[in-house]
Amino acid sequence: MKPSHLCSPLLTLVLTWTLCLIQVQSTTALQFPLHLPVTLVNIFQHYHAQPNVHTNEVDLEDFWLRARELGDKAKSYSEDLIKKAAERSQVVSRAVGEVKDRIHTIVRGATDWHEELNALRILRAQRSKTARDVSLDLDGITAELEVAFGRVVAELNATFPAPDHAPGHEERVAAVEAALDQAGAALLPVCAKYGMNEERTRVYWDAMRPAIFVAVVTIGDLAEQHPDLLEALLFMAAIAILPEIGIARPLLRLFGWGPTGPAKGSTAAWAQRVFYGAAVSKGSWFAKLQQAAMSGTKWWWLPGWIRRWLGL
């Protein structure tokens, strides 16, 4: 093991030991050493049980689970990132505001769509004799959209290979339009397979498509001028959609909004480079969740598991 790898657990051990000494006022000097071996074992077991947020070992669902658990705290943290970005200039502030508005439009559209589908599913369940007769399966739709959009990515990858340079506005517009055309073409047959009305599907898609277009292009234009903003913008977009809006998640992954897990990491890197001119490392997604979890607490400098262990 490299010395640098030992720094974190050793520092953690020292801090924990110090805090233990502070909190065990009722424990005598003779009794405390008897408790120490058990405490140390628990520390190292808990430490090694925690996923390393700086590697690619944590999978996609773990990210969404952590984000959902953080709830308003994650949203507040992402809002703070965007607020700081908007302070740069009036131009950046207007562009960031445009992105936020469009993402909210997407979220509202996806939520309304999801609620209508759920209402239809319940109605069919009430009319059917058994649950097996219900053809509209929300999880099935999401899973099939993942597959369908995976094919879209493969086709787009052949048409728009990841560039060696950041794309300009015109290149970005062409790539986004092509992606939306193919996404819409892939969306309709999947929805029809599950008995969804094509006209209603088009209504929701036609409402969401222009918002997705403007959001993706604007994020790309911002990142072209301010590359360091990309990570914050994509994190904000990912936290806004969260996993509950199942039908939107596979669609928005086409544009690199949110981590895709180790198996699909190259897909995320391709999407981010094509639409924004840079790729966000997968580890940074989890690092931002960790920062969100630590924000707003006076014990932010302690690792999260120590704060939970001490009840801070």
C-alpha atoms as a PDB file:
ATOM      1  CA  MET A   1       0.000   0.000   0.000  1.00  0.00           C
ATOM      2  CA  LYS A   2       1.311   3.437  -0.883  1.00  0.00           C
ATOM      3  CA  PRO A   3       2.016   5.858   2.007  1.00  0.00           C
ATOM      4  CA  SER A   4      -0.587   8.269   0.643  1.00  0.00           C
ATOM      5  CA  HIS A   5      -3.223   5.548   0.936  1.00  0.00           C
ATOM      6  CA  LEU A   6      -2.485   5.249   4.644  1.00  0.00           C
ATOM      7  CA  CYS A   7      -2.901   8.944   5.402  1.00  0.00           C
ATOM      8  CA  SER A   8      -6.693   9.015   5.456  1.00  0.00           C
ATOM      9  CA  PRO A   9      -7.274   5.989   7.739  1.00  0.00           C
ATOM     10  CA  LEU A  10      -4.420   7.013  10.065  1.00  0.00           C
ATOM     11  CA  LEU A  11      -5.698  10.585  10.340  1.00  0.00           C
ATOM     12  CA  THR A  12      -9.181   9.221  10.883  1.00  0.00           C
ATOM     13  CA  LEU A  13      -7.882   6.952  13.628  1.00  0.00           C
ATOM     14  CA  VAL A  14      -6.121   9.821  15.426  1.00  0.00           C
ATOM     15  CA  LEU A  15      -9.191  12.062  15.225  1.00  0.00           C
ATOM     16  CA  THR A  16     -11.491   9.287  16.379  1.00  0.00           C
ATOM     17  CA  TRP A  17      -9.239   8.363  19.299  1.00  0.00           C
ATOM     18  CA  THR A  18      -9.148  12.026  20.366  1.00  0.00           C
ATOM     19  CA  LEU A  19     -12.932  12.327  20.177  1.00  0.00           C
ATOM     20  CA  CYS A  20     -13.326   9.081  22.095  1.00  0.00           C
ATOM     21  CA  LEU A  21     -11.128  10.452  24.885  1.00  0.00           C
ATOM     22  CA  ILE A  22     -13.311  13.572  25.003  1.00  0.00           C
ATOM     23  CA  GLN A  23     -16.600  11.665  25.095  1.00  0.00           C
ATOM     24  CA  VAL A  24     -15.704   8.897  27.583  1.00  0.00           C
ATOM     25  CA  GLN A  25     -15.603  11.161  30.614  1.00  0.00           C
ATOM     26  CA  SER A  26     -17.436   8.558  32.674  1.00  0.00           C
ATOM     27  CA  THR A  27     -14.963   5.840  31.719  1.00  0.00           C
ATOM     28  CA  THR A  28     -12.002   5.419  34.036  1.00  0.00           C
ATOM     29  CA  ALA A  29      -8.430   5.413  32.764  1.00  0.00           C
ATOM     30  CA  LEU A  30      -8.239   1.724  33.666  1.00  0.00           C
ATOM     31  CA  GLN A  31     -11.426   0.784  31.804  1.00  0.00           C
ATOM     32  CA  PHE A  32     -10.813   2.753  28.596  1.00  0.00           C
ATOM     33  CA  PRO A  33      -7.950   0.597  27.220  1.00  0.00           C
ATOM     34  CA  LEU A  34     -10.227  -2.444  27.529  1.00  0.00           C
ATOM     35  CA  HIS A  35     -12.721  -0.806  25.144  1.00  0.00           C
ATOM     36  CA  LEU A  36     -10.089   0.396  22.696  1.00  0.00           C
ATOM     37  CA  PRO A  37      -9.421  -2.859  20.739  1.00  0.00           C
ATOM     38  CA  VAL A  38     -13.123  -3.325  19.996  1.00  0.00           C
ATOM     39  CA  THR A  39     -13.408   0.339  18.989  1.00  0.00           C
ATOM     40  CA  LEU A  40     -10.448   0.074  16.620  1.00  0.00           C
ATOM     41  CA  VAL A  41     -11.846  -3.058  14.981  1.00  0.00           C
ATOM     42  CA  ASN A  42     -15.174  -1.317  14.420  1.00  0.00           C
ATOM     43  CA  ILE A  43     -13.402   1.724  12.991  1.00  0.00           C
ATOM     44  CA  PHE A  44     -11.455  -0.219  10.396  1.00  0.00           C
ATOM     45  CA  GLN A  45     -14.390  -2.463   9.494  1.00  0.00           C
ATOM     46  CA  HIS A  46     -16.570   0.587   8.942  1.00  0.00           C
ATOM     47  CA  TYR A  47     -13.832   2.417   7.047  1.00  0.00           C
ATOM     48  CA  HIS A  48     -13.257  -0.406   4.591  1.00  0.00           C
ATOM     49  CA  ALA A  49     -17.004  -0.925   4.149  1.00  0.00           C
ATOM     50  CA  GLN A  50     -17.398   2.590   2.774  1.00  0.00           C
ATOM     51  CA  PRO A  51     -17.238   2.930  -1.046  1.00  0.00           C
ATOM     52  CA  ASN A  52     -14.325   5.001  -2.279  1.00  0.00           C
ATOM     53  CA  VAL A  53     -15.895   8.082  -3.811  1.00  0.00           C
ATOM     54  CA  HIS A  54     -12.743   8.827  -5.770  1.00  0.00           C
ATOM     55  CA  THR A  55     -12.826   5.611  -7.805  1.00  0.00           C
ATOM     56  CA  ASN A  56     -15.167   4.097 -10.376  1.00  0.00           C
ATOM     57  CA  GLU A  57     -16.073   1.184  -8.093  1.00  0.00           C
ATOM     58  CA  VAL A  58     -19.376   2.684  -6.950  1.00  0.00           C
ATOM     59  CA  ASP A  59     -22.138   1.819  -9.374  1.00  0.00           C
ATOM     60  CA  LEU A  60     -24.826   4.017 -10.877  1.00  0.00           C
ATOM     61  CA  GLU A  61     -27.686   2.941  -8.619  1.00  0.00           C
ATOM     62  CA  ASP A  62     -25.598   3.714  -5.553  1.00  0.00           C
ATOM     63  CA  PHE A  63     -25.224   7.289  -6.792  1.00  0.00           C
ATOM     64  CA  TRP A  64     -28.987   7.721  -7.236  1.00  0.00           C
ATOM     65  CA  LEU A  65     -29.629   6.079  -3.849  1.00  0.00           C
ATOM     66  CA  ARG A  66     -27.257   8.475  -2.091  1.00  0.00           C
ATOM     67  CA  ALA A  67     -28.712  11.454  -3.947  1.00  0.00           C
ATOM     68  CA  ARG A  68     -32.244  10.459  -2.950  1.00  0.00           C
ATOM     69  CA  GLU A  69     -31.194   9.978   0.685  1.00  0.00           C
ATOM     70  CA  LEU A  70     -29.627  13.442   0.771  1.00  0.00           C
ATOM     71  CA  GLY A  71     -32.836  14.897  -0.680  1.00  0.00           C
ATOM     72  CA  ASP A  72     -33.120  18.643  -0.109  1.00  0.00           C
ATOM     73  CA  LYS A  73     -29.520  18.785   1.047  1.00  0.00           C
ATOM     74  CA  ALA A  74     -28.260  17.657  -2.363  1.00  0.00           C
ATOM     75  CA  LYS A  75     -30.603  20.069  -4.114  1.00  0.00           C
ATOM     76  CA  SER A  76     -29.519  22.913  -1.859  1.00  0.00           C
ATOM     77  CA  TYR A  77     -25.867  22.135  -2.542  1.00  0.00           C
ATOM     78  CA  SER A  78     -26.411  22.041  -6.315  1.00  0.00           C
ATOM     79  CA  GLU A  79     -28.312  25.330  -6.129  1.00  0.00           C
ATOM     80  CA  ASP A  80     -25.391  26.859  -4.257  1.00  0.00           C
ATOM     81  CA  LEU A  81     -22.998  25.700  -6.995  1.00  0.00           C
ATOM     82  CA  ILE A  82     -25.149  27.346  -9.643  1.00  0.00           C
ATOM     83  CA  LYS A  83     -25.585  30.513  -7.589  1.00  0.00           C
ATOM     84  CA  LYS A  84     -21.823  30.889  -7.345  1.00  0.00           C
ATOM     85  CA  ALA A  85     -21.491  30.292 -11.078  1.00  0.00           C
ATOM     86  CA  ALA A  86     -24.077  32.986 -11.829  1.00  0.00           C
ATOM     87  CA  GLU A  87     -22.086  35.546  -9.835  1.00  0.00           C
ATOM     88  CA  ARG A  88     -19.388  35.694 -12.515  1.00  0.00           C
ATOM     89  CA  SER A  89     -21.168  38.072 -14.861  1.00  0.00           C
ATOM     90  CA  GLN A  90     -24.587  39.088 -16.106  1.00  0.00           C
ATOM     91  CA  VAL A  91     -24.086  37.017 -19.257  1.00  0.00           C
ATOM     92  CA  VAL A  92     -23.296  33.889 -17.258  1.00  0.00           C
ATOM     93  CA  SER A  93     -26.146  34.636 -14.849  1.00  0.00           C
ATOM     94  CA  ARG A  94     -28.677  34.871 -17.695  1.00  0.00           C
ATOM     95  CA  ALA A  95     -27.382  31.665 -19.294  1.00  0.00           C
ATOM     96  CA  VAL A  96     -27.469  29.773 -16.002  1.00  0.00           C
ATOM     97  CA  GLY A  97     -30.997  31.034 -15.373  1.00  0.00           C
ATOM     98  CA  GLU A  98     -32.011  29.805 -18.829  1.00  0.00           C
ATOM     99  CA  VAL A  99     -30.579  26.358 -18.099  1.00  0.00           C
ATOM    100  CA  LYS A 100     -32.399  26.162 -14.759  1.00  0.00           C
ATOM    101  CA  ASP A 101     -35.719  27.190 -16.342  1.00  0.00           C
ATOM    102  CA  ARG A 102     -35.392  24.611 -19.111  1.00  0.00           C
ATOM    103  CA  ILE A 103     -34.467  21.835 -16.691  1.00  0.00           C
ATOM    104  CA  HIS A 104     -37.500  22.686 -14.575  1.00  0.00           C
ATOM    105  CA  THR A 105     -39.636  22.456 -17.724  1.00  0.00           C
ATOM    106  CA  ILE A 106     -38.178  19.030 -18.464  1.00  0.00           C
ATOM    107  CA  VAL A 107     -38.779  17.844 -14.913  1.00  0.00           C
ATOM    108  CA  ARG A 108     -42.383  19.098 -14.925  1.00  0.00           C
ATOM    109  CA  GLY A 109     -43.050  17.444 -18.269  1.00  0.00           C
ATOM    110  CA  ALA A 110     -41.504  14.146 -17.196  1.00  0.00           C
ATOM    111  CA  THR A 111     -43.377  14.224 -13.881  1.00  0.00           C
ATOM    112  CA  ASP A 112     -46.728  14.889 -15.581  1.00  0.00           C
ATOM    113  CA  TRP A 113     -46.000  12.145 -18.094  1.00  0.00           C
ATOM    114  CA  HIS A 114     -45.085   9.718 -15.331  1.00  0.00           C
ATOM    115  CA  GLU A 115     -48.231  10.562 -13.342  1.00  0.00           C
ATOM    116  CA  GLU A 116     -50.448  10.016 -16.369  1.00  0.00           C
ATOM    117  CA  LEU A 117     -48.795   6.670 -17.061  1.00  0.00           C
ATOM    118  CA  ASN A 118     -49.190   5.634 -13.442  1.00  0.00           C
ATOM    119  CA  ALA A 119     -52.861   6.604 -13.459  1.00  0.00           C
ATOM    120  CA  LEU A 120     -53.354   4.579 -16.632  1.00  0.00           C
ATOM    121  CA  ARG A 121     -51.545   1.612 -15.098  1.00  0.00           C
ATOM    122  CA  ILE A 122     -53.787   1.722 -12.000  1.00  0.00           C
ATOM    123  CA  LEU A 123     -56.917   1.985 -14.154  1.00  0.00           C
ATOM    124  CA  ARG A 124     -55.869  -1.042 -16.176  1.00  0.00           C
ATOM    125  CA  ALA A 125     -55.080  -2.972 -13.003  1.00  0.00           C
ATOM    126  CA  GLN A 126     -58.553  -2.249 -11.645  1.00  0.00           C
ATOM    127  CA  ARG A 127     -60.158  -3.456 -14.864  1.00  0.00           C
ATOM    128  CA  SER A 128     -58.059  -6.577 -15.215  1.00  0.00           C
ATOM    129  CA  LYS A 129     -58.558  -9.848 -13.388  1.00  0.00           C
ATOM    130  CA  THR A 130     -54.918 -10.331 -12.527  1.00  0.00           C
ATOM    131  CA  ALA A 131     -51.877  -8.084 -12.390  1.00  0.00           C
ATOM    132  CA  ARG A 132     -50.384 -10.139 -15.226  1.00  0.00           C
ATOM    133  CA  ASP A 133     -52.957  -8.679 -17.577  1.00  0.00           C
ATOM    134  CA  VAL A 134     -51.563  -5.185 -17.118  1.00  0.00           C
ATOM    135  CA  SER A 135     -49.454  -4.353 -20.167  1.00  0.00           C
ATOM    136  CA  LEU A 136     -48.208  -0.959 -18.998  1.00  0.00           C
ATOM    137  CA  ASP A 137     -45.123  -1.580 -16.868  1.00  0.00           C
ATOM    138  CA  LEU A 138     -43.225   1.589 -15.907  1.00  0.00           C
ATOM    139  CA  ASP A 139     -40.047  -0.274 -14.984  1.00  0.00           C
ATOM    140  CA  GLY A 140     -40.258  -2.214 -18.242  1.00  0.00           C
ATOM    141  CA  ILE A 141     -40.600   1.003 -20.234  1.00  0.00           C
ATOM    142  CA  THR A 142     -37.545   2.514 -18.543  1.00  0.00           C
ATOM    143  CA  ALA A 143     -35.499  -0.652 -19.105  1.00  0.00           C
ATOM    144  CA  GLU A 144     -36.425  -0.830 -22.788  1.00  0.00           C
ATOM    145  CA  LEU A 145     -35.703   2.847 -23.279  1.00  0.00           C
ATOM    146  CA  GLU A 146     -32.228   2.222 -21.852  1.00  0.00           C
ATOM    147  CA  VAL A 147     -31.678  -0.393 -24.561  1.00  0.00           C
ATOM    148  CA  ALA A 148     -33.227   1.736 -27.321  1.00  0.00           C
ATOM    149  CA  PHE A 149     -31.200   4.815 -26.417  1.00  0.00           C
ATOM    150  CA  GLY A 150     -28.107   2.644 -26.158  1.00  0.00           C
ATOM    151  CA  ARG A 151     -28.549   1.904 -29.871  1.00  0.00           C
ATOM    152  CA  VAL A 152     -29.054   5.615 -30.508  1.00  0.00           C
ATOM    153  CA  VAL A 153     -25.748   6.365 -28.785  1.00  0.00           C
ATOM    154  CA  ALA A 154     -23.972   3.766 -30.929  1.00  0.00           C
ATOM    155  CA  GLU A 155     -25.343   5.362 -34.115  1.00  0.00           C
ATOM    156  CA  LEU A 156     -24.522   8.872 -32.945  1.00  0.00           C
ATOM    157  CA  ASN A 157     -21.046   7.799 -31.949  1.00  0.00           C
ATOM    158  CA  ALA A 158     -20.406   6.723 -35.513  1.00  0.00           C
ATOM    159  CA  THR A 159     -21.776  10.011 -36.853  1.00  0.00           C
ATOM    160  CA  PHE A 160     -20.223  12.287 -34.240  1.00  0.00           C
ATOM    161  CA  PRO A 161     -17.031  10.692 -32.925  1.00  0.00           C
ATOM    162  CA  ALA A 162     -15.658  12.401 -29.841  1.00  0.00           C
ATOM    163  CA  PRO A 163     -13.665  15.388 -31.132  1.00  0.00           C
ATOM    164  CA  ASP A 164     -10.112  16.289 -30.190  1.00  0.00           C
ATOM    165  CA  HIS A 165     -11.232  19.883 -29.757  1.00  0.00           C
ATOM    166  CA  ALA A 166     -14.198  21.506 -28.055  1.00  0.00           C
ATOM    167  CA  PRO A 167     -17.092  21.801 -30.526  1.00  0.00           C
ATOM    168  CA  GLY A 168     -18.317  25.247 -31.533  1.00  0.00           C
ATOM    169  CA  HIS A 169     -21.911  26.393 -31.271  1.00  0.00           C
ATOM    170  CA  GLU A 170     -22.912  25.250 -34.769  1.00  0.00           C
ATOM    171  CA  GLU A 171     -21.381  21.798 -34.303  1.00  0.00           C
ATOM    172  CA  ARG A 172     -23.130  21.482 -30.963  1.00  0.00           C
ATOM    173  CA  VAL A 173     -26.513  22.449 -32.409  1.00  0.00           C
ATOM    174  CA  ALA A 174     -26.162  19.863 -35.189  1.00  0.00           C
ATOM    175  CA  ALA A 175     -25.231  17.099 -32.720  1.00  0.00           C
ATOM    176  CA  VAL A 176     -28.092  17.922 -30.333  1.00  0.00           C
ATOM    177  CA  GLU A 177     -30.670  18.061 -33.128  1.00  0.00           C
ATOM    178  CA  ALA A 178     -29.503  14.705 -34.494  1.00  0.00           C
ATOM    179  CA  ALA A 179     -29.625  13.166 -31.021  1.00  0.00           C
ATOM    180  CA  LEU A 180     -33.142  14.451 -30.390  1.00  0.00           C
ATOM    181  CA  ASP A 181     -34.367  13.236 -33.795  1.00  0.00           C
ATOM    182  CA  GLN A 182     -33.093   9.736 -33.126  1.00  0.00           C
ATOM    183  CA  ALA A 183     -34.283   9.745 -29.521  1.00  0.00           C
ATOM    184  CA  GLY A 184     -37.815  10.649 -30.604  1.00  0.00           C
ATOM    185  CA  ALA A 185     -37.765   7.926 -33.249  1.00  0.00           C
ATOM    186  CA  ALA A 186     -36.663   5.370 -30.637  1.00  0.00           C
ATOM    187  CA  LEU A 187     -39.143   6.576 -28.029  1.00  0.00           C
ATOM    188  CA  LEU A 188     -42.379   6.087 -29.959  1.00  0.00           C
ATOM    189  CA  PRO A 189     -42.181   2.335 -30.684  1.00  0.00           C
ATOM    190  CA  VAL A 190     -41.195   1.511 -27.105  1.00  0.00           C
ATOM    191  CA  CYS A 191     -44.132   3.469 -25.731  1.00  0.00           C
ATOM    192  CA  ALA A 192     -46.497   1.939 -28.298  1.00  0.00           C
ATOM    193  CA  LYS A 193     -45.341  -1.559 -27.309  1.00  0.00           C
ATOM    194  CA  TYR A 194     -46.598  -0.925 -23.789  1.00  0.00           C
ATOM    195  CA  GLY A 195     -49.960   0.315 -24.998  1.00  0.00           C
ATOM    196  CA  MET A 196     -49.320   4.022 -24.629  1.00  0.00           C
ATOM    197  CA  ASN A 197     -51.319   6.305 -26.874  1.00  0.00           C
ATOM    198  CA  GLU A 198     -49.011   7.665 -29.618  1.00  0.00           C
ATOM    199  CA  GLU A 199     -50.745  11.037 -29.684  1.00  0.00           C
ATOM    200  CA  ARG A 200     -50.248  11.528 -25.936  1.00  0.00           C
ATOM    201  CA  THR A 201     -46.635  10.402 -26.262  1.00  0.00           C
ATOM    202  CA  ARG A 202     -46.052  13.034 -28.950  1.00  0.00           C
ATOM    203  CA  VAL A 203     -47.676  15.721 -26.787  1.00  0.00           C
ATOM    204  CA  TYR A 204     -45.214  15.125 -23.961  1.00  0.00           C
ATOM    205  CA  TRP A 205     -42.229  14.670 -26.267  1.00  0.00           C
ATOM    206  CA  ASP A 206     -43.020  17.840 -28.225  1.00  0.00           C
ATOM    207  CA  ALA A 207     -43.187  19.758 -24.931  1.00  0.00           C
ATOM    208  CA  MET A 208     -39.899  18.375 -23.583  1.00  0.00           C
ATOM    209  CA  ARG A 209     -37.813  18.372 -26.746  1.00  0.00           C
ATOM    210  CA  PRO A 210     -37.244  22.148 -27.127  1.00  0.00           C
ATOM    211  CA  ALA A 211     -36.395  22.448 -23.431  1.00  0.00           C
ATOM    212  CA  ILE A 212     -33.800  19.675 -23.734  1.00  0.00           C
ATOM    213  CA  PHE A 213     -32.372  21.311 -26.853  1.00  0.00           C
ATOM    214  CA  VAL A 214     -31.932  24.730 -25.239  1.00  0.00           C
ATOM    215  CA  ALA A 215     -30.570  23.298 -21.978  1.00  0.00           C
ATOM    216  CA  VAL A 216     -27.938  21.102 -23.657  1.00  0.00           C
ATOM    217  CA  VAL A 217     -26.818  23.767 -26.140  1.00  0.00           C
ATOM    218  CA  THR A 218     -26.661  26.473 -23.453  1.00  0.00           C
ATOM    219  CA  ILE A 219     -24.657  24.267 -21.083  1.00  0.00           C
ATOM    220  CA  GLY A 220     -22.275  23.557 -23.956  1.00  0.00           C
ATOM    221  CA  ASP A 221     -21.925  27.225 -24.822  1.00  0.00           C
ATOM    222  CA  LEU A 222     -21.263  28.069 -21.170  1.00  0.00           C
ATOM    223  CA  ALA A 223     -18.698  25.285 -20.846  1.00  0.00           C
ATOM    224  CA  GLU A 224     -16.968  26.480 -24.009  1.00  0.00           C
ATOM    225  CA  GLN A 225     -16.300  29.857 -22.364  1.00  0.00           C
ATOM    226  CA  HIS A 226     -16.021  28.604 -18.777  1.00  0.00           C
ATOM    227  CA  PRO A 227     -14.879  24.929 -18.795  1.00  0.00           C
ATOM    228  CA  ASP A 228     -14.748  24.762 -15.008  1.00  0.00           C
ATOM    229  CA  LEU A 229     -18.548  25.294 -14.831  1.00  0.00           C
ATOM    230  CA  LEU A 230     -19.395  22.071 -16.663  1.00  0.00           C
ATOM    231  CA  GLU A 231     -19.136  19.810 -13.631  1.00  0.00           C
ATOM    232  CA  ALA A 232     -21.442  22.005 -11.537  1.00  0.00           C
ATOM    233  CA  LEU A 233     -24.000  22.389 -14.343  1.00  0.00           C
ATOM    234  CA  LEU A 234     -24.223  18.666 -15.069  1.00  0.00           C
ATOM    235  CA  PHE A 235     -24.419  17.852 -11.360  1.00  0.00           C
ATOM    236  CA  MET A 236     -27.263  20.335 -10.979  1.00  0.00           C
ATOM    237  CA  ALA A 237     -29.085  18.734 -13.918  1.00  0.00           C
ATOM    238  CA  ALA A 238     -28.587  15.226 -12.519  1.00  0.00           C
ATOM    239  CA  ILE A 239     -29.852  16.167  -9.048  1.00  0.00           C
ATOM    240  CA  ALA A 240     -32.867  17.893 -10.598  1.00  0.00           C
ATOM    241  CA  ILE A 241     -34.055  14.782 -12.417  1.00  0.00           C
ATOM    242  CA  LEU A 242     -33.174  12.209  -9.712  1.00  0.00           C
ATOM    243  CA  PRO A 243     -34.204   8.567 -10.169  1.00  0.00           C
ATOM    244  CA  GLU A 244     -37.937   8.954  -9.545  1.00  0.00           C
ATOM    245  CA  ILE A 245     -38.529  10.359 -13.034  1.00  0.00           C
ATOM    246  CA  GLY A 246     -37.721   7.032 -14.637  1.00  0.00           C
ATOM    247  CA  ILE A 247     -38.788   7.871 -18.167  1.00  0.00           C
ATOM    248  CA  ALA A 248     -36.512  10.935 -18.274  1.00  0.00           C
ATOM    249  CA  ARG A 249     -33.363   9.345 -16.907  1.00  0.00           C
ATOM    250  CA  PRO A 250     -32.445   7.177 -19.911  1.00  0.00           C
ATOM    251  CA  LEU A 251     -33.259  10.069 -22.240  1.00  0.00           C
ATOM    252  CA  LEU A 252     -31.115  12.615 -20.422  1.00  0.00           C
ATOM    253  CA  ARG A 253     -28.209  10.193 -20.122  1.00  0.00           C
ATOM    254  CA  LEU A 254     -27.892  10.596 -23.875  1.00  0.00           C
ATOM    255  CA  PHE A 255     -26.520  14.047 -23.084  1.00  0.00           C
ATOM    256  CA  GLY A 256     -24.255  13.069 -20.201  1.00  0.00           C
ATOM    257  CA  TRP A 257     -26.565  14.241 -17.402  1.00  0.00           C
ATOM    258  CA  GLY A 258     -25.553  12.014 -14.531  1.00  0.00           C
ATOM    259  CA  PRO A 259     -23.110   9.118 -14.095  1.00  0.00           C
ATOM    260  CA  THR A 260     -23.584   5.980 -16.166  1.00  0.00           C
ATOM    261  CA  GLY A 261     -21.596   3.458 -14.118  1.00  0.00           C
ATOM    262  CA  PRO A 262     -18.315   1.720 -15.007  1.00  0.00           C
ATOM    263  CA  ALA A 263     -19.771  -0.344 -17.861  1.00  0.00           C
ATOM    264  CA  LYS A 264     -21.110   2.727 -19.642  1.00  0.00           C
ATOM    265  CA  GLY A 265     -18.405   5.175 -18.681  1.00  0.00           C
ATOM    266  CA  SER A 266     -17.207   5.608 -22.243  1.00  0.00           C
ATOM    267  CA  THR A 267     -20.745   6.571 -23.267  1.00  0.00           C
ATOM    268  CA  ALA A 268     -20.827   9.395 -20.730  1.00  0.00           C
ATOM    269  CA  ALA A 269     -17.371  10.590 -21.763  1.00  0.00           C
ATOM    270  CA  TRP A 270     -18.406  10.556 -25.432  1.00  0.00           C
ATOM    271  CA  ALA A 271     -21.624  12.484 -24.777  1.00  0.00           C
ATOM    272  CA  GLN A 272     -19.924  15.097 -22.645  1.00  0.00           C
ATOM    273  CA  ARG A 273     -17.120  15.662 -25.142  1.00  0.00           C
ATOM    274  CA  VAL A 274     -19.485  15.862 -28.134  1.00  0.00           C
ATOM    275  CA  PHE A 275     -21.992  18.243 -26.552  1.00  0.00           C
ATOM    276  CA  TYR A 276     -19.810  20.169 -24.111  1.00  0.00           C
ATOM    277  CA  GLY A 277     -16.195  19.705 -25.178  1.00  0.00           C
ATOM    278  CA  ALA A 278     -14.994  17.994 -21.984  1.00  0.00           C
ATOM    279  CA  ALA A 279     -15.599  14.862 -19.936  1.00  0.00           C
ATOM    280  CA  VAL A 280     -16.383  14.874 -16.217  1.00  0.00           C
ATOM    281  CA  SER A 281     -14.635  12.101 -14.304  1.00  0.00           C
ATOM    282  CA  LYS A 282     -17.018   9.598 -12.735  1.00  0.00           C
ATOM    283  CA  GLY A 283     -15.386   9.969  -9.320  1.00  0.00           C
ATOM    284  CA  SER A 284     -16.340  13.629  -9.174  1.00  0.00           C
ATOM    285  CA  TRP A 285     -20.060  12.780  -9.128  1.00  0.00           C
ATOM    286  CA  PHE A 286     -19.657  10.956  -5.821  1.00  0.00           C
ATOM    287  CA  ALA A 287     -17.234  13.551  -4.479  1.00  0.00           C
ATOM    288  CA  LYS A 288     -19.927  16.203  -4.965  1.00  0.00           C
ATOM    289  CA  LEU A 289     -22.454  14.066  -3.075  1.00  0.00           C
ATOM    290  CA  GLN A 290     -19.955  13.785  -0.256  1.00  0.00           C
ATOM    291  CA  GLN A 291     -19.503  17.560  -0.223  1.00  0.00           C
ATOM    292  CA  ALA A 292     -23.288  17.991  -0.207  1.00  0.00           C
ATOM    293  CA  ALA A 293     -23.557  15.649   2.771  1.00  0.00           C
ATOM    294  CA  MET A 294     -20.931  17.628   4.676  1.00  0.00           C
ATOM    295  CA  SER A 295     -22.329  21.061   3.919  1.00  0.00           C
ATOM    296  CA  GLY A 296     -24.155  22.879   6.679  1.00  0.00           C
ATOM    297  CA  THR A 297     -22.523  21.046   9.574  1.00  0.00           C
ATOM    298  CA  LYS A 298     -19.827  22.324  11.920  1.00  0.00           C
ATOM    299  CA  TRP A 299     -18.230  18.841  11.804  1.00  0.00           C
ATOM    300  CA  TRP A 300     -17.795  18.955   8.002  1.00  0.00           C
ATOM    301  CA  TRP A 301     -14.051  18.243   8.321  1.00  0.00           C
ATOM    302  CA  LEU A 302     -14.728  14.758   9.738  1.00  0.00           C
ATOM    303  CA  PRO A 303     -15.432  11.793   7.415  1.00  0.00           C
ATOM    304  CA  GLY A 304     -19.161  11.126   7.086  1.00  0.00           C
ATOM    305  CA  TRP A 305     -19.095   7.719   8.774  1.00  0.00           C
ATOM    306  CA  ILE A 306     -17.366   9.157  11.874  1.00  0.00           C
ATOM    307  CA  ARG A 307     -20.048  11.850  12.186  1.00  0.00           C
ATOM    308  CA  ARG A 308     -22.757   9.195  11.880  1.00  0.00           C
ATOM    309  CA  TRP A 309     -20.944   6.981  14.404  1.00  0.00           C
ATOM    310  CA  LEU A 310     -20.723   9.851  16.897  1.00  0.00           C
ATOM    311  CA  GLY A 311     -24.252  11.013  16.156  1.00  0.00           C
ATOM    312  CA  LEU A 312     -23.118  14.479  15.073  1.00  0.00           C
END
